[in-house]
Structure formats: structure tokens, C-alpha cells
């Protein structure tokens, strides 16, 4: 199972905790879609990145998807020419979401997108958002592996990618996103753990201990040791990585549910953290993913 489908499967469990509020989330996500078929970013413009989260959020809620309209938006990007690395991977993920629905308008330009993604391969075998980089990042590795899975494209170099991630390990038992960082971060650790697991590579159990230690006293997970506030992105990715490692979250489950409840808005969306005044498709999807794990 691909990383996207794995997360989608979990996010589909969120209505267990949302109850009747699941309908509010669906309506919020539907409202975020623009006339051109894309989903809006925080400035109100259609964006491929936010489209991925809007689309997967609706699929998680098993809502009806306006496939033809979304496909028209995706086709406007052609083979991905001119897109940066993140948006190129988002194009692959969005096409995969439509392709999994089995409709003819969902045919994706697989070979060319994969070729473009490969131009972002770093010299150490990893991936980086800047072409020609010496070393890869944990986030780029996660995106690249996920994109190849989504495209169902032939891929080589799993061992070199794993070796690239090895250089991002920190002395505290976690991973940093860049080699220059000396302290691990929650999202980089979650990305590395999930990527390595999908490459069928072993992961030291200490990574699970490190992630659990990032849980805030009032619930939610911190982005890094010493971070002032927990946030929804770190909470969702940490819970997903811990589930992949089969580490119990029983001791933090209830307070994490309480934390996510503090981020809920009656318009059917989630704030990213306590200090965040905005809501969008991305954090609302992470709310669904986190609640899915907490419903188990």
C-alpha cells in the first residue's frame, strides 16, 4: 500500500470521533474548491499543494468528488514543466487520487512526471528541492518515494536513499531535515521513519521513544525539543510514524484528543496551532489524520 493510501485509510476513521461534525468538515473542504477545480491556499488562489489536501480530505470523508473539474485543473499543468519539486510531487499525488477512482479522465502523464522528479536527486542518493544538491533532505525523500508510489513508476536506488537518510540521523535518536542540523525535529523524524518503513528498511525503536517524548503536557506534539507550542502537523505526523512503528499511544491518547478539540472551529476546520488564526485544507486534513489514529 502506498503512503498516500495508508494515510487516507486512517483519515477515513476520523468520523468516529467527529460524529455529526464530519458534515461540517466536508462542507468546509467543498467551499475551499475554486471554479477552476483547484483548492485555495491561504491567499485565496488555487494551488496544487492545497488541492492535494482538499482532495484527500474529501476522499477520507467519502464525499462525492467533482472528478472532471479537478482533472481539468490538473491537466493545466501538463507534464509538470515549470513546477518546483514540491508541486511536482503534489501533481503526482493528485493524479493518483483521481486514478484510484477508476475514471477515464484520470489518466496521468506518469513517465514524464517521474523523469522530472528524478532531476531533483541529490548526489548522495537522496532528494532535495534544489536540483544538483550534494545531499538530500528527509522531507524530499518522503515526497519522492510517495510520488513514485503514486505514479506506479519504476524506481531504483532504495539503498542509496536509505544511506542518505542515515546521514540525517542525530545523536538524540531522531532525524534532522538537513545535514547541518544537530538536533532532531518531529516532522523530519516522522518523514524518515515512514520513508524507511516503505523501503522495507529497519528503524531503531529509539525513534519511537524520541517521538513520544515530544508530546506536550497539555496534548499534541512539539515540532522540536524546546518548541513553545504543540502543533497539528507535528501531532498528525508523529502519530502516524508511531503507528507505523507499532508504538502504543495509550498514555497520550486522551490529552491529544483534547488538544485537537482546542483547534476545532465551528466552520468545520482546524487551526494549525493555538496561535494560528487561519484555517485551510492542509491543517484540516491533518486534523482528520490525527483523529483517525486517535480513534483506534
C-alpha atoms as a PDB file:
ATOM      1  CA  UNK A   1       0.000   0.000   0.000  1.00  0.00           C
ATOM      2  CA  UNK A   2       1.311   3.458  -0.899  1.00  0.00           C
ATOM      3  CA  UNK A   3       1.992   6.075   1.764  1.00  0.00           C
ATOM      4  CA  UNK A   4      -0.908   8.194   0.489  1.00  0.00           C
ATOM      5  CA  UNK A   5      -3.393   5.324   0.668  1.00  0.00           C
ATOM      6  CA  UNK A   6      -2.067   4.318   4.069  1.00  0.00           C
ATOM      7  CA  UNK A   7      -2.773   7.800   5.453  1.00  0.00           C
ATOM      8  CA  UNK A   8      -6.107   8.012   3.643  1.00  0.00           C
ATOM      9  CA  UNK A   9      -7.204   4.706   5.178  1.00  0.00           C
ATOM     10  CA  UNK A  10      -6.509   6.096   8.654  1.00  0.00           C
ATOM     11  CA  UNK A  11      -8.097   9.507   7.951  1.00  0.00           C
ATOM     12  CA  UNK A  12     -11.324   7.691   6.989  1.00  0.00           C
ATOM     13  CA  UNK A  13     -11.667   6.698  10.666  1.00  0.00           C
ATOM     14  CA  UNK A  14     -11.879  10.338  11.817  1.00  0.00           C
ATOM     15  CA  UNK A  15     -15.721  10.476  11.701  1.00  0.00           C
ATOM     16  CA  UNK A  16     -15.724   8.036  14.642  1.00  0.00           C
ATOM     17  CA  UNK A  17     -14.621  10.967  16.814  1.00  0.00           C
ATOM     18  CA  UNK A  18     -16.116  13.784  14.740  1.00  0.00           C
ATOM     19  CA  UNK A  19     -19.634  12.368  14.791  1.00  0.00           C
ATOM     20  CA  UNK A  20     -22.130  14.761  13.220  1.00  0.00           C
ATOM     21  CA  UNK A  21     -19.367  17.361  12.776  1.00  0.00           C
ATOM     22  CA  UNK A  22     -17.961  15.322   9.874  1.00  0.00           C
ATOM     23  CA  UNK A  23     -20.550  17.019   7.666  1.00  0.00           C
ATOM     24  CA  UNK A  24     -19.182  20.433   8.636  1.00  0.00           C
ATOM     25  CA  UNK A  25     -15.681  19.340   7.569  1.00  0.00           C
ATOM     26  CA  UNK A  26     -16.983  18.116   4.241  1.00  0.00           C
ATOM     27  CA  UNK A  27     -18.766  21.417   3.586  1.00  0.00           C
ATOM     28  CA  UNK A  28     -15.671  23.406   4.554  1.00  0.00           C
ATOM     29  CA  UNK A  29     -13.485  21.454   2.127  1.00  0.00           C
ATOM     30  CA  UNK A  30     -16.053  21.772  -0.658  1.00  0.00           C
ATOM     31  CA  UNK A  31     -16.146  25.533  -0.058  1.00  0.00           C
ATOM     32  CA  UNK A  32     -12.350  25.694  -0.421  1.00  0.00           C
ATOM     33  CA  UNK A  33     -12.535  24.487  -4.035  1.00  0.00           C
ATOM     34  CA  UNK A  34     -12.323  27.211  -6.686  1.00  0.00           C
ATOM     35  CA  UNK A  35     -14.139  27.407 -10.014  1.00  0.00           C
ATOM     36  CA  UNK A  36     -11.059  26.141 -11.907  1.00  0.00           C
ATOM     37  CA  UNK A  37     -11.155  22.860  -9.926  1.00  0.00           C
ATOM     38  CA  UNK A  38      -8.218  23.555  -7.623  1.00  0.00           C
ATOM     39  CA  UNK A  39      -8.371  24.156  -3.872  1.00  0.00           C
ATOM     40  CA  UNK A  40      -7.365  27.526  -2.482  1.00  0.00           C
ATOM     41  CA  UNK A  41      -4.293  28.445  -0.488  1.00  0.00           C
ATOM     42  CA  UNK A  42      -4.360  30.959   2.361  1.00  0.00           C
ATOM     43  CA  UNK A  43      -4.402  33.869  -0.084  1.00  0.00           C
ATOM     44  CA  UNK A  44      -7.490  32.507  -1.840  1.00  0.00           C
ATOM     45  CA  UNK A  45      -5.748  31.288  -5.006  1.00  0.00           C
ATOM     46  CA  UNK A  46      -5.885  27.732  -6.387  1.00  0.00           C
ATOM     47  CA  UNK A  47      -2.734  25.807  -5.542  1.00  0.00           C
ATOM     48  CA  UNK A  48      -1.636  22.235  -6.256  1.00  0.00           C
ATOM     49  CA  UNK A  49      -0.294  21.804  -2.732  1.00  0.00           C
ATOM     50  CA  UNK A  50      -3.623  22.671  -1.107  1.00  0.00           C
ATOM     51  CA  UNK A  51      -5.502  20.728  -3.780  1.00  0.00           C
ATOM     52  CA  UNK A  52      -3.848  17.510  -2.586  1.00  0.00           C
ATOM     53  CA  UNK A  53      -5.145  18.045   0.952  1.00  0.00           C
ATOM     54  CA  UNK A  54      -8.585  19.178  -0.150  1.00  0.00           C
ATOM     55  CA  UNK A  55      -8.961  16.191  -2.444  1.00  0.00           C
ATOM     56  CA  UNK A  56      -7.709  13.621   0.060  1.00  0.00           C
ATOM     57  CA  UNK A  57      -9.783  15.242   2.799  1.00  0.00           C
ATOM     58  CA  UNK A  58     -12.964  14.795   0.770  1.00  0.00           C
ATOM     59  CA  UNK A  59     -11.986  11.232  -0.117  1.00  0.00           C
ATOM     60  CA  UNK A  60     -11.370  10.490   3.566  1.00  0.00           C
ATOM     61  CA  UNK A  61     -14.931  11.629   4.276  1.00  0.00           C
ATOM     62  CA  UNK A  62     -16.145   9.555   1.322  1.00  0.00           C
ATOM     63  CA  UNK A  63     -17.674  12.657  -0.255  1.00  0.00           C
ATOM     64  CA  UNK A  64     -18.591  12.927  -3.913  1.00  0.00           C
ATOM     65  CA  UNK A  65     -15.594  14.237  -5.887  1.00  0.00           C
ATOM     66  CA  UNK A  66     -16.073  16.556  -8.913  1.00  0.00           C
ATOM     67  CA  UNK A  67     -13.552  14.484 -10.854  1.00  0.00           C
ATOM     68  CA  UNK A  68     -13.855  16.151 -14.251  1.00  0.00           C
ATOM     69  CA  UNK A  69     -13.355  19.630 -12.798  1.00  0.00           C
ATOM     70  CA  UNK A  70     -10.308  18.563 -10.777  1.00  0.00           C
ATOM     71  CA  UNK A  71      -8.868  16.660 -13.752  1.00  0.00           C
ATOM     72  CA  UNK A  72      -9.226  19.806 -15.862  1.00  0.00           C
ATOM     73  CA  UNK A  73      -7.232  21.742 -13.272  1.00  0.00           C
ATOM     74  CA  UNK A  74      -4.509  19.076 -13.153  1.00  0.00           C
ATOM     75  CA  UNK A  75      -4.287  18.924 -16.951  1.00  0.00           C
ATOM     76  CA  UNK A  76      -3.472  22.649 -16.972  1.00  0.00           C
ATOM     77  CA  UNK A  77      -0.055  21.711 -15.519  1.00  0.00           C
ATOM     78  CA  UNK A  78       0.729  19.331 -18.405  1.00  0.00           C
ATOM     79  CA  UNK A  79       3.700  17.107 -17.634  1.00  0.00           C
ATOM     80  CA  UNK A  80       4.768  19.294 -14.733  1.00  0.00           C
ATOM     81  CA  UNK A  81       7.034  21.577 -16.732  1.00  0.00           C
ATOM     82  CA  UNK A  82       7.965  24.640 -14.702  1.00  0.00           C
ATOM     83  CA  UNK A  83       6.821  23.194 -11.374  1.00  0.00           C
ATOM     84  CA  UNK A  84       9.097  23.137  -8.353  1.00  0.00           C
ATOM     85  CA  UNK A  85       9.837  19.844  -6.606  1.00  0.00           C
ATOM     86  CA  UNK A  86       7.056  20.028  -4.021  1.00  0.00           C
ATOM     87  CA  UNK A  87       4.362  20.949  -6.534  1.00  0.00           C
ATOM     88  CA  UNK A  88       5.615  18.305  -8.947  1.00  0.00           C
ATOM     89  CA  UNK A  89       5.139  15.642  -6.275  1.00  0.00           C
ATOM     90  CA  UNK A  90       1.730  17.139  -5.495  1.00  0.00           C
ATOM     91  CA  UNK A  91       0.758  16.785  -9.159  1.00  0.00           C
ATOM     92  CA  UNK A  92       1.613  13.074  -8.978  1.00  0.00           C
ATOM     93  CA  UNK A  93      -0.342  12.663  -5.740  1.00  0.00           C
ATOM     94  CA  UNK A  94      -3.418  14.481  -7.017  1.00  0.00           C
ATOM     95  CA  UNK A  95      -3.497  12.409 -10.228  1.00  0.00           C
ATOM     96  CA  UNK A  96      -3.186   9.267  -8.114  1.00  0.00           C
ATOM     97  CA  UNK A  97      -6.181  10.331  -6.026  1.00  0.00           C
ATOM     98  CA  UNK A  98      -8.278  10.613  -9.189  1.00  0.00           C
ATOM     99  CA  UNK A  99      -6.825   7.490 -10.781  1.00  0.00           C
ATOM    100  CA  UNK A 100      -7.835   5.435  -7.777  1.00  0.00           C
ATOM    101  CA  UNK A 101     -11.414   6.377  -8.553  1.00  0.00           C
ATOM    102  CA  UNK A 102     -11.149   4.470 -11.839  1.00  0.00           C
ATOM    103  CA  UNK A 103     -12.410   7.126 -14.222  1.00  0.00           C
ATOM    104  CA  UNK A 104     -11.040   7.719 -17.749  1.00  0.00           C
ATOM    105  CA  UNK A 105     -10.451  11.447 -17.183  1.00  0.00           C
ATOM    106  CA  UNK A 106      -7.879  10.499 -14.564  1.00  0.00           C
ATOM    107  CA  UNK A 107      -5.097   9.344 -16.909  1.00  0.00           C
ATOM    108  CA  UNK A 108      -1.828  10.854 -15.702  1.00  0.00           C
ATOM    109  CA  UNK A 109       1.430  11.638 -17.569  1.00  0.00           C
ATOM    110  CA  UNK A 110       3.376   9.175 -15.419  1.00  0.00           C
ATOM    111  CA  UNK A 111       6.669   8.787 -17.271  1.00  0.00           C
ATOM    112  CA  UNK A 112       7.393  12.472 -17.738  1.00  0.00           C
ATOM    113  CA  UNK A 113       6.493  13.449 -14.168  1.00  0.00           C
ATOM    114  CA  UNK A 114       8.778  10.694 -12.837  1.00  0.00           C
ATOM    115  CA  UNK A 115      11.593  11.881 -15.098  1.00  0.00           C
ATOM    116  CA  UNK A 116      11.227  15.427 -13.775  1.00  0.00           C
ATOM    117  CA  UNK A 117      11.208  14.250 -10.155  1.00  0.00           C
ATOM    118  CA  UNK A 118      14.461  12.399 -10.780  1.00  0.00           C
ATOM    119  CA  UNK A 119      16.165  15.672 -11.756  1.00  0.00           C
ATOM    120  CA  UNK A 120      15.931  16.601  -8.060  1.00  0.00           C
ATOM    121  CA  UNK A 121      18.028  13.625  -6.967  1.00  0.00           C
ATOM    122  CA  UNK A 122      20.954  14.704  -4.793  1.00  0.00           C
ATOM    123  CA  UNK A 123      24.485  13.419  -5.273  1.00  0.00           C
ATOM    124  CA  UNK A 124      24.279  11.309  -2.106  1.00  0.00           C
ATOM    125  CA  UNK A 125      21.282   9.369  -3.468  1.00  0.00           C
ATOM    126  CA  UNK A 126      18.608  11.335  -1.628  1.00  0.00           C
ATOM    127  CA  UNK A 127      16.338  14.087  -2.930  1.00  0.00           C
ATOM    128  CA  UNK A 128      16.384  17.841  -2.450  1.00  0.00           C
ATOM    129  CA  UNK A 129      14.078  20.631  -3.587  1.00  0.00           C
ATOM    130  CA  UNK A 130      17.109  22.297  -5.211  1.00  0.00           C
ATOM    131  CA  UNK A 131      18.448  20.397  -8.263  1.00  0.00           C
ATOM    132  CA  UNK A 132      22.111  19.396  -8.110  1.00  0.00           C
ATOM    133  CA  UNK A 133      22.338  19.438  -4.298  1.00  0.00           C
ATOM    134  CA  UNK A 134      25.097  17.486  -2.597  1.00  0.00           C
ATOM    135  CA  UNK A 135      22.770  15.863  -0.045  1.00  0.00           C
ATOM    136  CA  UNK A 136      19.096  15.115   0.326  1.00  0.00           C
ATOM    137  CA  UNK A 137      16.532  16.072   2.955  1.00  0.00           C
ATOM    138  CA  UNK A 138      14.128  13.897   4.919  1.00  0.00           C
ATOM    139  CA  UNK A 139      11.099  15.795   3.623  1.00  0.00           C
ATOM    140  CA  UNK A 140      12.169  15.489  -0.013  1.00  0.00           C
ATOM    141  CA  UNK A 141      12.817  11.761   0.416  1.00  0.00           C
ATOM    142  CA  UNK A 142       9.303  11.304   1.786  1.00  0.00           C
ATOM    143  CA  UNK A 143       7.774  13.254  -1.094  1.00  0.00           C
ATOM    144  CA  UNK A 144       9.804  11.484  -3.787  1.00  0.00           C
ATOM    145  CA  UNK A 145       9.075   7.960  -2.571  1.00  0.00           C
ATOM    146  CA  UNK A 146       5.410   8.850  -2.211  1.00  0.00           C
ATOM    147  CA  UNK A 147       5.330  10.311  -5.730  1.00  0.00           C
ATOM    148  CA  UNK A 148       6.889   7.199  -7.280  1.00  0.00           C
ATOM    149  CA  UNK A 149       4.337   5.063  -5.440  1.00  0.00           C
ATOM    150  CA  UNK A 150       1.525   7.309  -6.672  1.00  0.00           C
ATOM    151  CA  UNK A 151       2.783   7.171 -10.251  1.00  0.00           C
ATOM    152  CA  UNK A 152       3.340   3.403 -10.059  1.00  0.00           C
ATOM    153  CA  UNK A 153       6.629   4.189 -11.772  1.00  0.00           C
ATOM    154  CA  UNK A 154       9.755   2.039 -11.819  1.00  0.00           C
ATOM    155  CA  UNK A 155      12.273   3.304  -9.294  1.00  0.00           C
ATOM    156  CA  UNK A 156      15.871   2.481  -8.442  1.00  0.00           C
ATOM    157  CA  UNK A 157      18.295   3.349  -5.687  1.00  0.00           C
ATOM    158  CA  UNK A 158      16.461   2.447  -2.480  1.00  0.00           C
ATOM    159  CA  UNK A 159      19.696   1.603  -0.690  1.00  0.00           C
ATOM    160  CA  UNK A 160      21.362   4.883  -1.688  1.00  0.00           C
ATOM    161  CA  UNK A 161      18.317   6.783  -0.454  1.00  0.00           C
ATOM    162  CA  UNK A 162      18.427   4.914   2.863  1.00  0.00           C
ATOM    163  CA  UNK A 163      22.116   5.762   3.163  1.00  0.00           C
ATOM    164  CA  UNK A 164      21.293   9.420   2.505  1.00  0.00           C
ATOM    165  CA  UNK A 165      18.799   9.361   5.376  1.00  0.00           C
ATOM    166  CA  UNK A 166      21.449   7.753   7.601  1.00  0.00           C
ATOM    167  CA  UNK A 167      23.475  10.976   7.378  1.00  0.00           C
ATOM    168  CA  UNK A 168      20.477  12.912   8.723  1.00  0.00           C
ATOM    169  CA  UNK A 169      20.292  10.918  11.973  1.00  0.00           C
ATOM    170  CA  UNK A 170      21.045  12.956  15.079  1.00  0.00           C
ATOM    171  CA  UNK A 171      22.735  11.920  18.297  1.00  0.00           C
ATOM    172  CA  UNK A 172      19.467  12.165  20.223  1.00  0.00           C
ATOM    173  CA  UNK A 173      17.943   9.236  18.289  1.00  0.00           C
ATOM    174  CA  UNK A 174      15.965  11.253  15.765  1.00  0.00           C
ATOM    175  CA  UNK A 175      16.421  12.759  12.298  1.00  0.00           C
ATOM    176  CA  UNK A 176      17.014  16.314  11.116  1.00  0.00           C
ATOM    177  CA  UNK A 177      15.817  17.580   7.767  1.00  0.00           C
ATOM    178  CA  UNK A 178      19.269  18.860   6.716  1.00  0.00           C
ATOM    179  CA  UNK A 179      22.742  17.514   7.479  1.00  0.00           C
ATOM    180  CA  UNK A 180      23.753  20.825   9.053  1.00  0.00           C
ATOM    181  CA  UNK A 181      21.185  20.487  11.873  1.00  0.00           C
ATOM    182  CA  UNK A 182      22.392  18.845  15.068  1.00  0.00           C
ATOM    183  CA  UNK A 183      19.037  18.385  16.822  1.00  0.00           C
ATOM    184  CA  UNK A 184      16.227  16.192  15.547  1.00  0.00           C
ATOM    185  CA  UNK A 185      12.807  17.522  14.572  1.00  0.00           C
ATOM    186  CA  UNK A 186       9.451  15.783  14.801  1.00  0.00           C
ATOM    187  CA  UNK A 187       8.403  16.146  11.173  1.00  0.00           C
ATOM    188  CA  UNK A 188      11.796  15.142   9.782  1.00  0.00           C
ATOM    189  CA  UNK A 189      11.846  12.115  12.099  1.00  0.00           C
ATOM    190  CA  UNK A 190       8.317  11.123  11.107  1.00  0.00           C
ATOM    191  CA  UNK A 191       9.199  11.549   7.421  1.00  0.00           C
ATOM    192  CA  UNK A 192      12.358   9.438   7.742  1.00  0.00           C
ATOM    193  CA  UNK A 193      10.622   6.706   9.753  1.00  0.00           C
ATOM    194  CA  UNK A 194       7.735   6.455   7.285  1.00  0.00           C
ATOM    195  CA  UNK A 195      10.041   6.525   4.257  1.00  0.00           C
ATOM    196  CA  UNK A 196      12.372   3.849   5.619  1.00  0.00           C
ATOM    197  CA  UNK A 197       9.430   1.663   6.554  1.00  0.00           C
ATOM    198  CA  UNK A 198       8.123   1.936   2.994  1.00  0.00           C
ATOM    199  CA  UNK A 199      11.569   0.989   1.710  1.00  0.00           C
ATOM    200  CA  UNK A 200      11.429  -2.101   3.960  1.00  0.00           C
ATOM    201  CA  UNK A 201      14.420  -0.811   5.919  1.00  0.00           C
ATOM    202  CA  UNK A 202      14.791  -1.337   9.695  1.00  0.00           C
ATOM    203  CA  UNK A 203      14.168   1.574  12.073  1.00  0.00           C
ATOM    204  CA  UNK A 204      15.649   1.734  15.575  1.00  0.00           C
ATOM    205  CA  UNK A 205      12.952   1.562  18.253  1.00  0.00           C
ATOM    206  CA  UNK A 206      14.561   4.567  19.962  1.00  0.00           C
ATOM    207  CA  UNK A 207      12.958   6.757  17.290  1.00  0.00           C
ATOM    208  CA  UNK A 208       9.567   5.893  18.772  1.00  0.00           C
ATOM    209  CA  UNK A 209      10.761   6.840  22.255  1.00  0.00           C
ATOM    210  CA  UNK A 210      12.053  10.163  20.915  1.00  0.00           C
ATOM    211  CA  UNK A 211       8.754  10.925  19.200  1.00  0.00           C
ATOM    212  CA  UNK A 212       6.682  10.071  22.288  1.00  0.00           C
ATOM    213  CA  UNK A 213       8.855  12.406  24.342  1.00  0.00           C
ATOM    214  CA  UNK A 214       7.768  15.292  22.095  1.00  0.00           C
ATOM    215  CA  UNK A 215       4.207  15.109  23.419  1.00  0.00           C
ATOM    216  CA  UNK A 216       3.260  18.322  25.239  1.00  0.00           C
ATOM    217  CA  UNK A 217       1.911  18.182  28.780  1.00  0.00           C
ATOM    218  CA  UNK A 218      -1.442  19.520  27.515  1.00  0.00           C
ATOM    219  CA  UNK A 219      -1.561  17.246  24.484  1.00  0.00           C
ATOM    220  CA  UNK A 220      -0.308  17.494  20.924  1.00  0.00           C
ATOM    221  CA  UNK A 221       3.266  17.135  19.765  1.00  0.00           C
ATOM    222  CA  UNK A 222       6.047  19.706  19.590  1.00  0.00           C
ATOM    223  CA  UNK A 223       7.885  20.323  16.310  1.00  0.00           C
ATOM    224  CA  UNK A 224      11.250  20.001  18.090  1.00  0.00           C
ATOM    225  CA  UNK A 225      12.690  19.804  21.602  1.00  0.00           C
ATOM    226  CA  UNK A 226      12.093  23.132  23.300  1.00  0.00           C
ATOM    227  CA  UNK A 227       9.400  24.314  20.875  1.00  0.00           C
ATOM    228  CA  UNK A 228       6.992  26.626  22.740  1.00  0.00           C
ATOM    229  CA  UNK A 229       3.696  25.186  21.473  1.00  0.00           C
ATOM    230  CA  UNK A 230       2.423  21.897  20.055  1.00  0.00           C
ATOM    231  CA  UNK A 231       1.001  21.991  16.524  1.00  0.00           C
ATOM    232  CA  UNK A 232      -1.354  19.901  14.437  1.00  0.00           C
ATOM    233  CA  UNK A 233       1.145  18.987  11.693  1.00  0.00           C
ATOM    234  CA  UNK A 234       3.651  17.589  14.193  1.00  0.00           C
ATOM    235  CA  UNK A 235       0.849  15.810  16.041  1.00  0.00           C
ATOM    236  CA  UNK A 236      -0.511  14.092  12.926  1.00  0.00           C
ATOM    237  CA  UNK A 237       2.886  13.071  11.553  1.00  0.00           C
ATOM    238  CA  UNK A 238       4.144  11.848  14.935  1.00  0.00           C
ATOM    239  CA  UNK A 239       1.009   9.753  15.499  1.00  0.00           C
ATOM    240  CA  UNK A 240       1.334   8.277  12.003  1.00  0.00           C
ATOM    241  CA  UNK A 241       5.003   7.395  12.483  1.00  0.00           C
ATOM    242  CA  UNK A 242       4.335   5.886  15.921  1.00  0.00           C
ATOM    243  CA  UNK A 243       1.566   3.731  14.470  1.00  0.00           C
ATOM    244  CA  UNK A 244       3.953   2.538  11.773  1.00  0.00           C
ATOM    245  CA  UNK A 245       6.459   1.606  14.463  1.00  0.00           C
ATOM    246  CA  UNK A 246       3.685  -0.120  16.441  1.00  0.00           C
ATOM    247  CA  UNK A 247       4.376   2.053  19.482  1.00  0.00           C
ATOM    248  CA  UNK A 248       1.446   2.430  21.883  1.00  0.00           C
ATOM    249  CA  UNK A 249      -0.028   5.928  22.301  1.00  0.00           C
ATOM    250  CA  UNK A 250      -2.373   4.879  25.112  1.00  0.00           C
ATOM    251  CA  UNK A 251      -0.737   7.193  27.653  1.00  0.00           C
ATOM    252  CA  UNK A 252      -1.110  10.313  25.475  1.00  0.00           C
ATOM    253  CA  UNK A 253      -4.308   9.495  23.568  1.00  0.00           C
ATOM    254  CA  UNK A 254      -6.890  11.390  25.638  1.00  0.00           C
ATOM    255  CA  UNK A 255      -4.858  14.556  26.020  1.00  0.00           C
ATOM    256  CA  UNK A 256      -4.124  14.569  22.285  1.00  0.00           C
ATOM    257  CA  UNK A 257      -7.864  14.346  21.579  1.00  0.00           C
ATOM    258  CA  UNK A 258      -8.366  17.280  23.961  1.00  0.00           C
ATOM    259  CA  UNK A 259      -5.610  19.243  22.193  1.00  0.00           C
ATOM    260  CA  UNK A 260      -7.152  18.742  18.753  1.00  0.00           C
ATOM    261  CA  UNK A 261     -10.522  19.797  20.149  1.00  0.00           C
ATOM    262  CA  UNK A 262      -8.973  23.165  21.092  1.00  0.00           C
ATOM    263  CA  UNK A 263      -8.042  23.692  17.412  1.00  0.00           C
ATOM    264  CA  UNK A 264     -11.544  22.947  16.089  1.00  0.00           C
ATOM    265  CA  UNK A 265     -13.694  25.696  14.609  1.00  0.00           C
ATOM    266  CA  UNK A 266     -17.457  25.563  14.106  1.00  0.00           C
ATOM    267  CA  UNK A 267     -16.969  26.195  10.383  1.00  0.00           C
ATOM    268  CA  UNK A 268     -15.670  22.632  10.056  1.00  0.00           C
ATOM    269  CA  UNK A 269     -11.910  23.190  10.003  1.00  0.00           C
ATOM    270  CA  UNK A 270      -8.869  23.049  12.278  1.00  0.00           C
ATOM    271  CA  UNK A 271      -6.296  25.668  13.170  1.00  0.00           C
ATOM    272  CA  UNK A 272      -2.662  24.623  12.869  1.00  0.00           C
ATOM    273  CA  UNK A 273      -1.827  25.642  16.447  1.00  0.00           C
ATOM    274  CA  UNK A 274      -3.118  27.809  19.285  1.00  0.00           C
ATOM    275  CA  UNK A 275      -1.527  30.967  17.849  1.00  0.00           C
ATOM    276  CA  UNK A 276      -2.882  30.383  14.307  1.00  0.00           C
ATOM    277  CA  UNK A 277      -5.878  32.490  13.252  1.00  0.00           C
ATOM    278  CA  UNK A 278      -6.305  30.895   9.815  1.00  0.00           C
ATOM    279  CA  UNK A 279      -7.838  27.629   8.638  1.00  0.00           C
ATOM    280  CA  UNK A 280      -7.138  25.768   5.396  1.00  0.00           C
ATOM    281  CA  UNK A 281      -7.329  22.398   3.620  1.00  0.00           C
ATOM    282  CA  UNK A 282      -3.883  21.299   4.763  1.00  0.00           C
ATOM    283  CA  UNK A 283      -4.398  21.523   8.508  1.00  0.00           C
ATOM    284  CA  UNK A 284      -7.955  20.266   8.229  1.00  0.00           C
ATOM    285  CA  UNK A 285      -6.635  17.127   6.523  1.00  0.00           C
ATOM    286  CA  UNK A 286      -4.021  16.726   9.258  1.00  0.00           C
ATOM    287  CA  UNK A 287      -6.847  17.029  11.761  1.00  0.00           C
ATOM    288  CA  UNK A 288      -8.579  14.101  10.051  1.00  0.00           C
ATOM    289  CA  UNK A 289      -5.359  12.056  10.017  1.00  0.00           C
ATOM    290  CA  UNK A 290      -4.648  12.692  13.683  1.00  0.00           C
ATOM    291  CA  UNK A 291      -8.227  11.927  14.740  1.00  0.00           C
ATOM    292  CA  UNK A 292      -8.129   8.747  12.659  1.00  0.00           C
ATOM    293  CA  UNK A 293      -5.170   7.471  14.636  1.00  0.00           C
ATOM    294  CA  UNK A 294      -6.718   8.570  17.935  1.00  0.00           C
ATOM    295  CA  UNK A 295      -9.951   6.717  17.135  1.00  0.00           C
ATOM    296  CA  UNK A 296      -8.196   3.341  17.147  1.00  0.00           C
END
